[in-house]
């Protein structure tokens, strides 16, 4: 989702003082950090895979889907919170944060569905 794709990586850069928290909006600061500029794109993976960008901000499930599955992910690496990089299969130890999954809620007064 949006938190995993943009908010969390920017938060991590701010909390590590890698970008100035007062440099809002953060697009320019993030672009300077990654030295290639940042495009606000609805299709960040397309920008990365076409060679127009070096980094794509998106959640893991979207990345796997757009790459074509974990078995086809060899051309790309995850950027770890500690500054390292790892293969897709190592997402449990290389991620920007753990984000709760989306959930469905209902009223406690509803009867069970049969």
PDB file of N, CA and C in Angstrom:
ATOM      1  N   UNK A   1       0.809  -1.176   0.000  1.00  0.00           N
ATOM      2  CA  UNK A   1       0.000   0.000   0.000  1.00  0.00           C
ATOM      3  C   UNK A   1       0.858   1.247   0.000  1.00  0.00           C
ATOM      4  N   UNK A   2       0.217   2.361   0.172  1.00  0.00           N
ATOM      5  CA  UNK A   2       0.885   3.654   0.125  1.00  0.00           C
ATOM      6  C   UNK A   2       1.933   3.790   1.221  1.00  0.00           C
ATOM      7  N   UNK A   3       1.645   3.276   2.431  1.00  0.00           N
ATOM      8  CA  UNK A   3       2.627   3.383   3.523  1.00  0.00           C
ATOM      9  C   UNK A   3       3.916   2.660   3.156  1.00  0.00           C
ATOM     10  N   UNK A   4       3.787   1.442   2.656  1.00  0.00           N
ATOM     11  CA  UNK A   4       4.970   0.660   2.301  1.00  0.00           C
ATOM     12  C   UNK A   4       5.690   1.261   1.105  1.00  0.00           C
ATOM     13  N   UNK A   5       4.939   1.857   0.192  1.00  0.00           N
ATOM     14  CA  UNK A   5       5.533   2.347  -1.035  1.00  0.00           C
ATOM     15  C   UNK A   5       6.249   3.674  -0.943  1.00  0.00           C
ATOM     16  N   UNK A   6       5.822   4.571  -0.056  1.00  0.00           N
ATOM     17  CA  UNK A   6       6.447   5.897  -0.019  1.00  0.00           C
ATOM     18  C   UNK A   6       6.658   6.388   1.397  1.00  0.00           C
ATOM     19  N   UNK A   7       5.635   6.328   2.221  1.00  0.00           N
ATOM     20  CA  UNK A   7       5.683   6.919   3.559  1.00  0.00           C
ATOM     21  C   UNK A   7       6.786   6.296   4.411  1.00  0.00           C
ATOM     22  N   UNK A   8       6.866   4.987   4.463  1.00  0.00           N
ATOM     23  CA  UNK A   8       7.849   4.325   5.327  1.00  0.00           C
ATOM     24  C   UNK A   8       9.288   4.580   4.866  1.00  0.00           C
ATOM     25  N   UNK A   9       9.616   4.439   3.590  1.00  0.00           N
ATOM     26  CA  UNK A   9      10.997   4.756   3.199  1.00  0.00           C
ATOM     27  C   UNK A   9      11.378   6.208   3.497  1.00  0.00           C
ATOM     28  N   UNK A  10      10.468   7.143   3.264  1.00  0.00           N
ATOM     29  CA  UNK A  10      10.760   8.548   3.566  1.00  0.00           C
ATOM     30  C   UNK A  10      10.921   8.733   5.070  1.00  0.00           C
ATOM     31  N   UNK A  11      10.051   8.110   5.848  1.00  0.00           N
ATOM     32  CA  UNK A  11      10.160   8.177   7.313  1.00  0.00           C
ATOM     33  C   UNK A  11      11.532   7.667   7.760  1.00  0.00           C
ATOM     34  N   UNK A  12      11.970   6.544   7.204  1.00  0.00           N
ATOM     35  CA  UNK A  12      13.277   5.987   7.570  1.00  0.00           C
ATOM     36  C   UNK A  12      14.417   6.938   7.218  1.00  0.00           C
ATOM     37  N   UNK A  13      14.340   7.586   6.075  1.00  0.00           N
ATOM     38  CA  UNK A  13      15.379   8.547   5.688  1.00  0.00           C
ATOM     39  C   UNK A  13      15.393   9.753   6.629  1.00  0.00           C
ATOM     40  N   UNK A  14      14.209  10.213   7.037  1.00  0.00           N
ATOM     41  CA  UNK A  14      14.117  11.355   7.951  1.00  0.00           C
ATOM     42  C   UNK A  14      14.643  10.984   9.331  1.00  0.00           C
ATOM     43  N   UNK A  15      14.228   9.821   9.868  1.00  0.00           N
ATOM     44  CA  UNK A  15      14.650   9.444  11.223  1.00  0.00           C
ATOM     45  C   UNK A  15      16.145   9.160  11.308  1.00  0.00           C
ATOM     46  N   UNK A  16      16.761   8.797  10.198  1.00  0.00           N
ATOM     47  CA  UNK A  16      18.214   8.590  10.182  1.00  0.00           C
ATOM     48  C   UNK A  16      18.960   9.870   9.811  1.00  0.00           C
ATOM     49  N   UNK A  17      18.218  10.971   9.707  1.00  0.00           N
ATOM     50  CA  UNK A  17      18.774  12.285   9.335  1.00  0.00           C
ATOM     51  C   UNK A  17      19.486  12.255   7.980  1.00  0.00           C
ATOM     52  N   UNK A  18      19.022  11.391   7.092  1.00  0.00           N
ATOM     53  CA  UNK A  18      19.590  11.324   5.747  1.00  0.00           C
ATOM     54  C   UNK A  18      18.951  12.354   4.824  1.00  0.00           C
ATOM     55  N   UNK A  19      17.739  12.783   5.182  1.00  0.00           N
ATOM     56  CA  UNK A  19      17.117  13.932   4.533  1.00  0.00           C
ATOM     57  C   UNK A  19      16.554  14.815   5.640  1.00  0.00           C
ATOM     58  N   UNK A  20      16.461  16.094   5.369  1.00  0.00           N
ATOM     59  CA  UNK A  20      15.998  17.071   6.352  1.00  0.00           C
ATOM     60  C   UNK A  20      14.486  16.976   6.520  1.00  0.00           C
ATOM     61  N   UNK A  21      14.038  16.812   7.763  1.00  0.00           N
ATOM     62  CA  UNK A  21      12.599  16.677   8.017  1.00  0.00           C
ATOM     63  C   UNK A  21      11.837  17.956   7.691  1.00  0.00           C
ATOM     64  N   UNK A  22      12.521  19.073   7.594  1.00  0.00           N
ATOM     65  CA  UNK A  22      11.869  20.340   7.266  1.00  0.00           C
ATOM     66  C   UNK A  22      11.859  20.622   5.767  1.00  0.00           C
ATOM     67  N   UNK A  23      12.390  19.712   4.974  1.00  0.00           N
ATOM     68  CA  UNK A  23      12.461  19.877   3.523  1.00  0.00           C
ATOM     69  C   UNK A  23      11.223  19.266   2.872  1.00  0.00           C
ATOM     70  N   UNK A  24      10.081  19.862   3.148  1.00  0.00           N
ATOM     71  CA  UNK A  24       8.809  19.325   2.680  1.00  0.00           C
ATOM     72  C   UNK A  24       8.342  20.136   1.470  1.00  0.00           C
ATOM     73  N   UNK A  25       7.797  19.584   0.412  1.00  0.00           N
ATOM     74  CA  UNK A  25       7.555  18.155   0.238  1.00  0.00           C
ATOM     75  C   UNK A  25       8.875  17.411   0.020  1.00  0.00           C
ATOM     76  N   UNK A  26       8.867  16.150   0.362  1.00  0.00           N
ATOM     77  CA  UNK A  26      10.098  15.364   0.408  1.00  0.00           C
ATOM     78  C   UNK A  26      10.585  14.875  -0.952  1.00  0.00           C
ATOM     79  N   UNK A  27       9.812  15.063  -1.988  1.00  0.00           N
ATOM     80  CA  UNK A  27      10.189  14.541  -3.302  1.00  0.00           C
ATOM     81  C   UNK A  27      11.573  15.017  -3.733  1.00  0.00           C
ATOM     82  N   UNK A  28      11.850  16.300  -3.573  1.00  0.00           N
ATOM     83  CA  UNK A  28      13.152  16.833  -3.982  1.00  0.00           C
ATOM     84  C   UNK A  28      14.275  16.251  -3.125  1.00  0.00           C
ATOM     85  N   UNK A  29      14.074  16.187  -1.802  1.00  0.00           N
ATOM     86  CA  UNK A  29      15.103  15.663  -0.898  1.00  0.00           C
ATOM     87  C   UNK A  29      15.390  14.192  -1.183  1.00  0.00           C
ATOM     88  N   UNK A  30      14.346  13.414  -1.438  1.00  0.00           N
ATOM     89  CA  UNK A  30      14.531  11.997  -1.758  1.00  0.00           C
ATOM     90  C   UNK A  30      15.264  11.866  -3.090  1.00  0.00           C
ATOM     91  N   UNK A  31      14.909  12.696  -4.056  1.00  0.00           N
ATOM     92  CA  UNK A  31      15.596  12.685  -5.347  1.00  0.00           C
ATOM     93  C   UNK A  31      17.069  13.010  -5.220  1.00  0.00           C
ATOM     94  N   UNK A  32      17.392  13.969  -4.367  1.00  0.00           N
ATOM     95  CA  UNK A  32      18.799  14.311  -4.141  1.00  0.00           C
ATOM     96  C   UNK A  32      19.527  13.179  -3.426  1.00  0.00           C
ATOM     97  N   UNK A  33      18.849  12.513  -2.493  1.00  0.00           N
ATOM     98  CA  UNK A  33      19.469  11.396  -1.778  1.00  0.00           C
ATOM     99  C   UNK A  33      19.824  10.271  -2.745  1.00  0.00           C
ATOM    100  N   UNK A  34      18.907   9.930  -3.637  1.00  0.00           N
ATOM    101  CA  UNK A  34      19.152   8.856  -4.594  1.00  0.00           C
ATOM    102  C   UNK A  34      19.875   9.356  -5.846  1.00  0.00           C
ATOM    103  N   UNK A  35      20.205  10.609  -5.914  1.00  0.00           N
ATOM    104  CA  UNK A  35      21.014  11.276  -6.933  1.00  0.00           C
ATOM    105  C   UNK A  35      20.476  11.219  -8.356  1.00  0.00           C
ATOM    106  N   UNK A  36      19.301  10.688  -8.557  1.00  0.00           N
ATOM    107  CA  UNK A  36      18.786  10.648  -9.916  1.00  0.00           C
ATOM    108  C   UNK A  36      17.456  11.342 -10.073  1.00  0.00           C
ATOM    109  N   UNK A  37      16.990  11.992  -9.034  1.00  0.00           N
ATOM    110  CA  UNK A  37      15.676  12.608  -9.093  1.00  0.00           C
ATOM    111  C   UNK A  37      14.595  11.580  -8.832  1.00  0.00           C
ATOM    112  N   UNK A  38      13.441  12.061  -8.478  1.00  0.00           N
ATOM    113  CA  UNK A  38      12.309  11.185  -8.183  1.00  0.00           C
ATOM    114  C   UNK A  38      11.129  11.628  -9.020  1.00  0.00           C
ATOM    115  N   UNK A  39      10.509  10.686  -9.683  1.00  0.00           N
ATOM    116  CA  UNK A  39       9.295  10.969 -10.433  1.00  0.00           C
ATOM    117  C   UNK A  39       8.122  10.462  -9.628  1.00  0.00           C
ATOM    118  N   UNK A  40       7.113  11.279  -9.505  1.00  0.00           N
ATOM    119  CA  UNK A  40       5.880  10.828  -8.874  1.00  0.00           C
ATOM    120  C   UNK A  40       5.106  10.083  -9.945  1.00  0.00           C
ATOM    121  N   UNK A  41       5.104   8.778  -9.857  1.00  0.00           N
ATOM    122  CA  UNK A  41       4.537   7.958 -10.915  1.00  0.00           C
ATOM    123  C   UNK A  41       3.532   6.971 -10.357  1.00  0.00           C
ATOM    124  N   UNK A  42       2.464   6.759 -11.098  1.00  0.00           N
ATOM    125  CA  UNK A  42       1.495   5.733 -10.729  1.00  0.00           C
ATOM    126  C   UNK A  42       2.053   4.348 -11.042  1.00  0.00           C
ATOM    127  N   UNK A  43       3.121   4.295 -11.820  1.00  0.00           N
ATOM    128  CA  UNK A  43       3.733   3.025 -12.211  1.00  0.00           C
ATOM    129  C   UNK A  43       5.237   3.055 -11.925  1.00  0.00           C
ATOM    130  N   UNK A  44       5.617   3.020 -10.639  1.00  0.00           N
ATOM    131  CA  UNK A  44       7.043   3.131 -10.310  1.00  0.00           C
ATOM    132  C   UNK A  44       7.885   1.984 -10.858  1.00  0.00           C
ATOM    133  N   UNK A  45       7.335   0.775 -10.909  1.00  0.00           N
ATOM    134  CA  UNK A  45       8.120  -0.345 -11.421  1.00  0.00           C
ATOM    135  C   UNK A  45       8.394  -0.183 -12.913  1.00  0.00           C
ATOM    136  N   UNK A  46       7.430   0.333 -13.643  1.00  0.00           N
ATOM    137  CA  UNK A  46       7.630   0.560 -15.079  1.00  0.00           C
ATOM    138  C   UNK A  46       8.781   1.541 -15.299  1.00  0.00           C
ATOM    139  N   UNK A  47       8.848   2.557 -14.465  1.00  0.00           N
ATOM    140  CA  UNK A  47       9.940   3.536 -14.544  1.00  0.00           C
ATOM    141  C   UNK A  47      11.283   2.848 -14.278  1.00  0.00           C
ATOM    142  N   UNK A  48      11.327   1.982 -13.271  1.00  0.00           N
ATOM    143  CA  UNK A  48      12.553   1.259 -12.930  1.00  0.00           C
ATOM    144  C   UNK A  48      12.944   0.286 -14.041  1.00  0.00           C
ATOM    145  N   UNK A  49      11.991  -0.523 -14.487  1.00  0.00           N
ATOM    146  CA  UNK A  49      12.308  -1.571 -15.462  1.00  0.00           C
ATOM    147  C   UNK A  49      12.666  -1.012 -16.836  1.00  0.00           C
ATOM    148  N   UNK A  50      12.198   0.198 -17.147  1.00  0.00           N
ATOM    149  CA  UNK A  50      12.528   0.806 -18.439  1.00  0.00           C
ATOM    150  C   UNK A  50      13.898   1.479 -18.427  1.00  0.00           C
ATOM    151  N   UNK A  51      14.506   1.569 -17.237  1.00  0.00           N
ATOM    152  CA  UNK A  51      15.805   2.214 -17.123  1.00  0.00           C
ATOM    153  C   UNK A  51      15.731   3.701 -16.834  1.00  0.00           C
ATOM    154  N   UNK A  52      14.513   4.241 -16.724  1.00  0.00           N
ATOM    155  CA  UNK A  52      14.361   5.671 -16.437  1.00  0.00           C
ATOM    156  C   UNK A  52      14.643   5.994 -14.976  1.00  0.00           C
ATOM    157  N   UNK A  53      14.553   4.995 -14.101  1.00  0.00           N
ATOM    158  CA  UNK A  53      14.790   5.213 -12.680  1.00  0.00           C
ATOM    159  C   UNK A  53      15.694   4.141 -12.115  1.00  0.00           C
ATOM    160  N   UNK A  54      16.278   4.438 -10.965  1.00  0.00           N
ATOM    161  CA  UNK A  54      17.154   3.479 -10.291  1.00  0.00           C
ATOM    162  C   UNK A  54      16.483   2.819  -9.098  1.00  0.00           C
ATOM    163  N   UNK A  55      15.427   3.448  -8.580  1.00  0.00           N
ATOM    164  CA  UNK A  55      14.744   2.964  -7.387  1.00  0.00           C
ATOM    165  C   UNK A  55      13.246   3.091  -7.613  1.00  0.00           C
ATOM    166  N   UNK A  56      12.496   2.092  -7.173  1.00  0.00           N
ATOM    167  CA  UNK A  56      11.033   2.157  -7.225  1.00  0.00           C
ATOM    168  C   UNK A  56      10.493   1.966  -5.815  1.00  0.00           C
ATOM    169  N   UNK A  57       9.580   2.804  -5.424  1.00  0.00           N
ATOM    170  CA  UNK A  57       8.939   2.704  -4.116  1.00  0.00           C
ATOM    171  C   UNK A  57       7.606   1.989  -4.291  1.00  0.00           C
ATOM    172  N   UNK A  58       7.532   0.743  -3.852  1.00  0.00           N
ATOM    173  CA  UNK A  58       6.285   0.003  -3.908  1.00  0.00           C
ATOM    174  C   UNK A  58       6.314  -1.117  -2.892  1.00  0.00           C
ATOM    175  N   UNK A  59       5.136  -1.636  -2.574  1.00  0.00           N
ATOM    176  CA  UNK A  59       5.082  -2.704  -1.583  1.00  0.00           C
ATOM    177  C   UNK A  59       5.536  -4.020  -2.211  1.00  0.00           C
ATOM    178  N   UNK A  60       5.891  -4.968  -1.348  1.00  0.00           N
ATOM    179  CA  UNK A  60       6.484  -6.228  -1.793  1.00  0.00           C
ATOM    180  C   UNK A  60       5.569  -7.004  -2.741  1.00  0.00           C
ATOM    181  N   UNK A  61       4.289  -7.129  -2.373  1.00  0.00           N
ATOM    182  CA  UNK A  61       3.372  -7.900  -3.218  1.00  0.00           C
ATOM    183  C   UNK A  61       3.264  -7.299  -4.617  1.00  0.00           C
ATOM    184  N   UNK A  62       3.202  -5.978  -4.697  1.00  0.00           N
ATOM    185  CA  UNK A  62       3.157  -5.317  -6.009  1.00  0.00           C
ATOM    186  C   UNK A  62       4.446  -5.564  -6.782  1.00  0.00           C
ATOM    187  N   UNK A  63       5.571  -5.514  -6.087  1.00  0.00           N
ATOM    188  CA  UNK A  63       6.858  -5.749  -6.746  1.00  0.00           C
ATOM    189  C   UNK A  63       6.927  -7.158  -7.328  1.00  0.00           C
ATOM    190  N   UNK A  64       6.552  -8.154  -6.538  1.00  0.00           N
ATOM    191  CA  UNK A  64       6.592  -9.543  -7.010  1.00  0.00           C
ATOM    192  C   UNK A  64       5.665  -9.722  -8.205  1.00  0.00           C
ATOM    193  N   UNK A  65       4.471  -9.153  -8.109  1.00  0.00           N
ATOM    194  CA  UNK A  65       3.496  -9.276  -9.197  1.00  0.00           C
ATOM    195  C   UNK A  65       4.033  -8.618 -10.477  1.00  0.00           C
ATOM    196  N   UNK A  66       4.612  -7.449 -10.362  1.00  0.00           N
ATOM    197  CA  UNK A  66       5.067  -6.730 -11.548  1.00  0.00           C
ATOM    198  C   UNK A  66       6.342  -7.318 -12.144  1.00  0.00           C
ATOM    199  N   UNK A  67       7.177  -7.918 -11.315  1.00  0.00           N
ATOM    200  CA  UNK A  67       8.378  -8.588 -11.815  1.00  0.00           C
ATOM    201  C   UNK A  67       7.993  -9.862 -12.553  1.00  0.00           C
ATOM    202  N   UNK A  68       6.900 -10.489 -12.138  1.00  0.00           N
ATOM    203  CA  UNK A  68       6.458 -11.733 -12.748  1.00  0.00           C
ATOM    204  C   UNK A  68       6.675 -12.921 -11.840  1.00  0.00           C
ATOM    205  N   UNK A  69       6.837 -12.680 -10.542  1.00  0.00           N
ATOM    206  CA  UNK A  69       7.043 -13.742  -9.563  1.00  0.00           C
ATOM    207  C   UNK A  69       8.460 -13.735  -9.023  1.00  0.00           C
ATOM    208  N   UNK A  70       8.620 -14.322  -7.842  1.00  0.00           N
ATOM    209  CA  UNK A  70       9.942 -14.332  -7.199  1.00  0.00           C
ATOM    210  C   UNK A  70      10.995 -15.023  -8.049  1.00  0.00           C
ATOM    211  N   UNK A  71      10.595 -16.026  -8.817  1.00  0.00           N
ATOM    212  CA  UNK A  71      11.566 -16.758  -9.629  1.00  0.00           C
ATOM    213  C   UNK A  71      12.108 -15.918 -10.791  1.00  0.00           C
ATOM    214  N   UNK A  72      11.471 -14.794 -11.105  1.00  0.00           N
ATOM    215  CA  UNK A  72      11.927 -13.925 -12.193  1.00  0.00           C
ATOM    216  C   UNK A  72      12.501 -12.613 -11.664  1.00  0.00           C
ATOM    217  N   UNK A  73      12.847 -12.583 -10.392  1.00  0.00           N
ATOM    218  CA  UNK A  73      13.242 -11.328  -9.753  1.00  0.00           C
ATOM    219  C   UNK A  73      14.750 -11.095  -9.725  1.00  0.00           C
ATOM    220  N   UNK A  74      15.526 -11.889 -10.431  1.00  0.00           N
ATOM    221  CA  UNK A  74      16.982 -11.809 -10.361  1.00  0.00           C
ATOM    222  C   UNK A  74      17.604 -10.492 -10.796  1.00  0.00           C
ATOM    223  N   UNK A  75      16.898  -9.702 -11.586  1.00  0.00           N
ATOM    224  CA  UNK A  75      17.453  -8.426 -12.056  1.00  0.00           C
ATOM    225  C   UNK A  75      17.294  -7.302 -11.041  1.00  0.00           C
ATOM    226  N   UNK A  76      16.562  -7.562  -9.959  1.00  0.00           N
ATOM    227  CA  UNK A  76      16.244  -6.513  -8.995  1.00  0.00           C
ATOM    228  C   UNK A  76      16.618  -6.952  -7.590  1.00  0.00           C
ATOM    229  N   UNK A  77      16.890  -5.979  -6.732  1.00  0.00           N
ATOM    230  CA  UNK A  77      17.213  -6.262  -5.340  1.00  0.00           C
ATOM    231  C   UNK A  77      16.375  -5.374  -4.430  1.00  0.00           C
ATOM    232  N   UNK A  78      16.158  -5.863  -3.227  1.00  0.00           N
ATOM    233  CA  UNK A  78      15.481  -5.079  -2.202  1.00  0.00           C
ATOM    234  C   UNK A  78      16.503  -4.177  -1.526  1.00  0.00           C
ATOM    235  N   UNK A  79      16.108  -2.960  -1.200  1.00  0.00           N
ATOM    236  CA  UNK A  79      16.958  -2.073  -0.409  1.00  0.00           C
ATOM    237  C   UNK A  79      16.582  -2.271   1.052  1.00  0.00           C
ATOM    238  N   UNK A  80      17.543  -2.682   1.857  1.00  0.00           N
ATOM    239  CA  UNK A  80      17.292  -2.972   3.271  1.00  0.00           C
ATOM    240  C   UNK A  80      17.369  -1.697   4.108  1.00  0.00           C
ATOM    241  N   UNK A  81      16.716  -1.736   5.242  1.00  0.00           N
ATOM    242  CA  UNK A  81      16.696  -0.587   6.147  1.00  0.00           C
ATOM    243  C   UNK A  81      18.097  -0.243   6.651  1.00  0.00           C
ATOM    244  N   UNK A  82      18.969  -1.258   6.756  1.00  0.00           N
ATOM    245  CA  UNK A  82      20.335  -1.020   7.246  1.00  0.00           C
ATOM    246  C   UNK A  82      21.275  -0.492   6.156  1.00  0.00           C
ATOM    247  N   UNK A  83      20.744  -0.267   4.955  1.00  0.00           N
ATOM    248  CA  UNK A  83      21.551   0.258   3.859  1.00  0.00           C
ATOM    249  C   UNK A  83      22.045  -0.810   2.904  1.00  0.00           C
ATOM    250  N   UNK A  84      21.881  -2.075   3.265  1.00  0.00           N
ATOM    251  CA  UNK A  84      22.309  -3.166   2.394  1.00  0.00           C
ATOM    252  C   UNK A  84      21.276  -3.485   1.331  1.00  0.00           C
ATOM    253  N   UNK A  85      21.575  -4.512   0.556  1.00  0.00           N
ATOM    254  CA  UNK A  85      20.657  -4.986  -0.480  1.00  0.00           C
ATOM    255  C   UNK A  85      20.611  -6.502  -0.421  1.00  0.00           C
ATOM    256  N   UNK A  86      19.453  -7.052  -0.737  1.00  0.00           N
ATOM    257  CA  UNK A  86      19.299  -8.510  -0.756  1.00  0.00           C
ATOM    258  C   UNK A  86      18.341  -8.914  -1.864  1.00  0.00           C
ATOM    259  N   UNK A  87      18.360 -10.208  -2.162  1.00  0.00           N
ATOM    260  CA  UNK A  87      17.460 -10.775  -3.163  1.00  0.00           C
ATOM    261  C   UNK A  87      16.020 -10.769  -2.649  1.00  0.00           C
ATOM    262  N   UNK A  88      15.081 -10.824  -3.565  1.00  0.00           N
ATOM    263  CA  UNK A  88      13.660 -10.835  -3.218  1.00  0.00           C
ATOM    264  C   UNK A  88      13.322 -11.878  -2.163  1.00  0.00           C
ATOM    265  N   UNK A  89      13.906 -13.055  -2.288  1.00  0.00           N
ATOM    266  CA  UNK A  89      13.559 -14.148  -1.374  1.00  0.00           C
ATOM    267  C   UNK A  89      13.929 -13.843   0.074  1.00  0.00           C
ATOM    268  N   UNK A  90      14.760 -12.846   0.299  1.00  0.00           N
ATOM    269  CA  UNK A  90      15.201 -12.484   1.648  1.00  0.00           C
ATOM    270  C   UNK A  90      14.399 -11.331   2.244  1.00  0.00           C
ATOM    271  N   UNK A  91      13.162 -11.150   1.770  1.00  0.00           N
ATOM    272  CA  UNK A  91      12.358 -10.013   2.220  1.00  0.00           C
ATOM    273  C   UNK A  91      12.116  -9.999   3.723  1.00  0.00           C
ATOM    274  N   UNK A  92      12.102 -11.157   4.381  1.00  0.00           N
ATOM    275  CA  UNK A  92      11.847 -11.195   5.827  1.00  0.00           C
ATOM    276  C   UNK A  92      12.966 -10.513   6.612  1.00  0.00           C
ATOM    277  N   UNK A  93      14.185 -10.550   6.088  1.00  0.00           N
ATOM    278  CA  UNK A  93      15.305  -9.910   6.784  1.00  0.00           C
ATOM    279  C   UNK A  93      15.768  -8.623   6.100  1.00  0.00           C
ATOM    280  N   UNK A  94      15.094  -8.239   5.027  1.00  0.00           N
ATOM    281  CA  UNK A  94      15.468  -7.020   4.296  1.00  0.00           C
ATOM    282  C   UNK A  94      14.201  -6.294   3.878  1.00  0.00           C
ATOM    283  N   UNK A  95      13.771  -5.393   4.737  1.00  0.00           N
ATOM    284  CA  UNK A  95      12.572  -4.621   4.438  1.00  0.00           C
ATOM    285  C   UNK A  95      12.678  -3.269   5.116  1.00  0.00           C
ATOM    286  N   UNK A  96      11.831  -2.373   4.734  1.00  0.00           N
ATOM    287  CA  UNK A  96      11.822  -1.040   5.335  1.00  0.00           C
ATOM    288  C   UNK A  96      11.021  -1.011   6.628  1.00  0.00           C
ATOM    289  N   UNK A  97      10.042  -1.894   6.747  1.00  0.00           N
ATOM    290  CA  UNK A  97       9.204  -1.991   7.950  1.00  0.00           C
ATOM    291  C   UNK A  97       8.236  -3.143   7.762  1.00  0.00           C
ATOM    292  N   UNK A  98       7.648  -3.565   8.853  1.00  0.00           N
ATOM    293  CA  UNK A  98       6.585  -4.559   8.789  1.00  0.00           C
ATOM    294  C   UNK A  98       5.277  -3.794   8.914  1.00  0.00           C
ATOM    295  N   UNK A  99       4.445  -3.907   7.898  1.00  0.00           N
ATOM    296  CA  UNK A  99       3.181  -3.181   7.854  1.00  0.00           C
ATOM    297  C   UNK A  99       2.047  -4.176   8.066  1.00  0.00           C
ATOM    298  N   UNK A 100       1.104  -3.868   8.957  1.00  0.00           N
ATOM    299  CA  UNK A 100      -0.018  -4.790   9.167  1.00  0.00           C
ATOM    300  C   UNK A 100      -0.793  -5.002   7.868  1.00  0.00           C
ATOM    301  N   UNK A 101      -1.299  -6.208   7.661  1.00  0.00           N
ATOM    302  CA  UNK A 101      -2.073  -6.468   6.447  1.00  0.00           C
ATOM    303  C   UNK A 101      -3.413  -5.746   6.494  1.00  0.00           C
ATOM    304  N   UNK A 102      -4.029  -5.619   5.356  1.00  0.00           N
ATOM    305  CA  UNK A 102      -5.379  -5.062   5.314  1.00  0.00           C
ATOM    306  C   UNK A 102      -6.321  -6.079   5.934  1.00  0.00           C
ATOM    307  N   UNK A 103      -7.317  -5.583   6.626  1.00  0.00           N
ATOM    308  CA  UNK A 103      -8.263  -6.472   7.294  1.00  0.00           C
ATOM    309  C   UNK A 103      -9.684  -6.074   6.935  1.00  0.00           C
ATOM    310  N   UNK A 104     -10.607  -6.993   7.151  1.00  0.00           N
ATOM    311  CA  UNK A 104     -12.030  -6.717   7.011  1.00  0.00           C
ATOM    312  C   UNK A 104     -12.634  -6.748   8.396  1.00  0.00           C
ATOM    313  N   UNK A 105     -13.419  -5.761   8.723  1.00  0.00           N
ATOM    314  CA  UNK A 105     -14.071  -5.692  10.024  1.00  0.00           C
ATOM    315  C   UNK A 105     -15.571  -5.729   9.831  1.00  0.00           C
ATOM    316  N   UNK A 106     -16.256  -6.258  10.834  1.00  0.00           N
ATOM    317  CA  UNK A 106     -17.718  -6.232  10.816  1.00  0.00           C
ATOM    318  C   UNK A 106     -18.217  -5.902  12.209  1.00  0.00           C
ATOM    319  N   UNK A 107     -19.461  -5.597  12.291  1.00  0.00           N
ATOM    320  CA  UNK A 107     -20.081  -5.347  13.584  1.00  0.00           C
ATOM    321  C   UNK A 107     -20.146  -6.645  14.366  1.00  0.00           C
ATOM    322  N   UNK A 108     -19.937  -6.576  15.667  1.00  0.00           N
ATOM    323  CA  UNK A 108     -20.029  -7.781  16.497  1.00  0.00           C
ATOM    324  C   UNK A 108     -21.456  -8.286  16.585  1.00  0.00           C
ATOM    325  N   UNK A 109     -22.425  -7.464  16.178  1.00  0.00           N
ATOM    326  CA  UNK A 109     -23.838  -7.837  16.267  1.00  0.00           C
ATOM    327  C   UNK A 109     -24.338  -8.614  15.055  1.00  0.00           C
ATOM    328  N   UNK A 110     -23.526  -8.760  14.021  1.00  0.00           N
ATOM    329  CA  UNK A 110     -23.953  -9.512  12.841  1.00  0.00           C
ATOM    330  C   UNK A 110     -23.998 -10.998  13.152  1.00  0.00           C
ATOM    331  N   UNK A 111     -24.964 -11.674  12.541  1.00  0.00           N
ATOM    332  CA  UNK A 111     -25.038 -13.125  12.726  1.00  0.00           C
ATOM    333  C   UNK A 111     -24.003 -13.786  11.824  1.00  0.00           C
ATOM    334  N   UNK A 112     -23.555 -14.996  12.189  1.00  0.00           N
ATOM    335  CA  UNK A 112     -22.571 -15.706  11.358  1.00  0.00           C
ATOM    336  C   UNK A 112     -23.104 -15.962   9.951  1.00  0.00           C
ATOM    337  N   UNK A 113     -22.217 -15.921   8.969  1.00  0.00           N
ATOM    338  CA  UNK A 113     -22.578 -16.197   7.586  1.00  0.00           C
ATOM    339  C   UNK A 113     -22.462 -17.691   7.368  1.00  0.00           C
ATOM    340  N   UNK A 114     -23.483 -18.253   6.764  1.00  0.00           N
ATOM    341  CA  UNK A 114     -23.452 -19.706   6.518  1.00  0.00           C
ATOM    342  C   UNK A 114     -23.168 -20.013   5.086  1.00  0.00           C
TER     343      UNK A 114
END
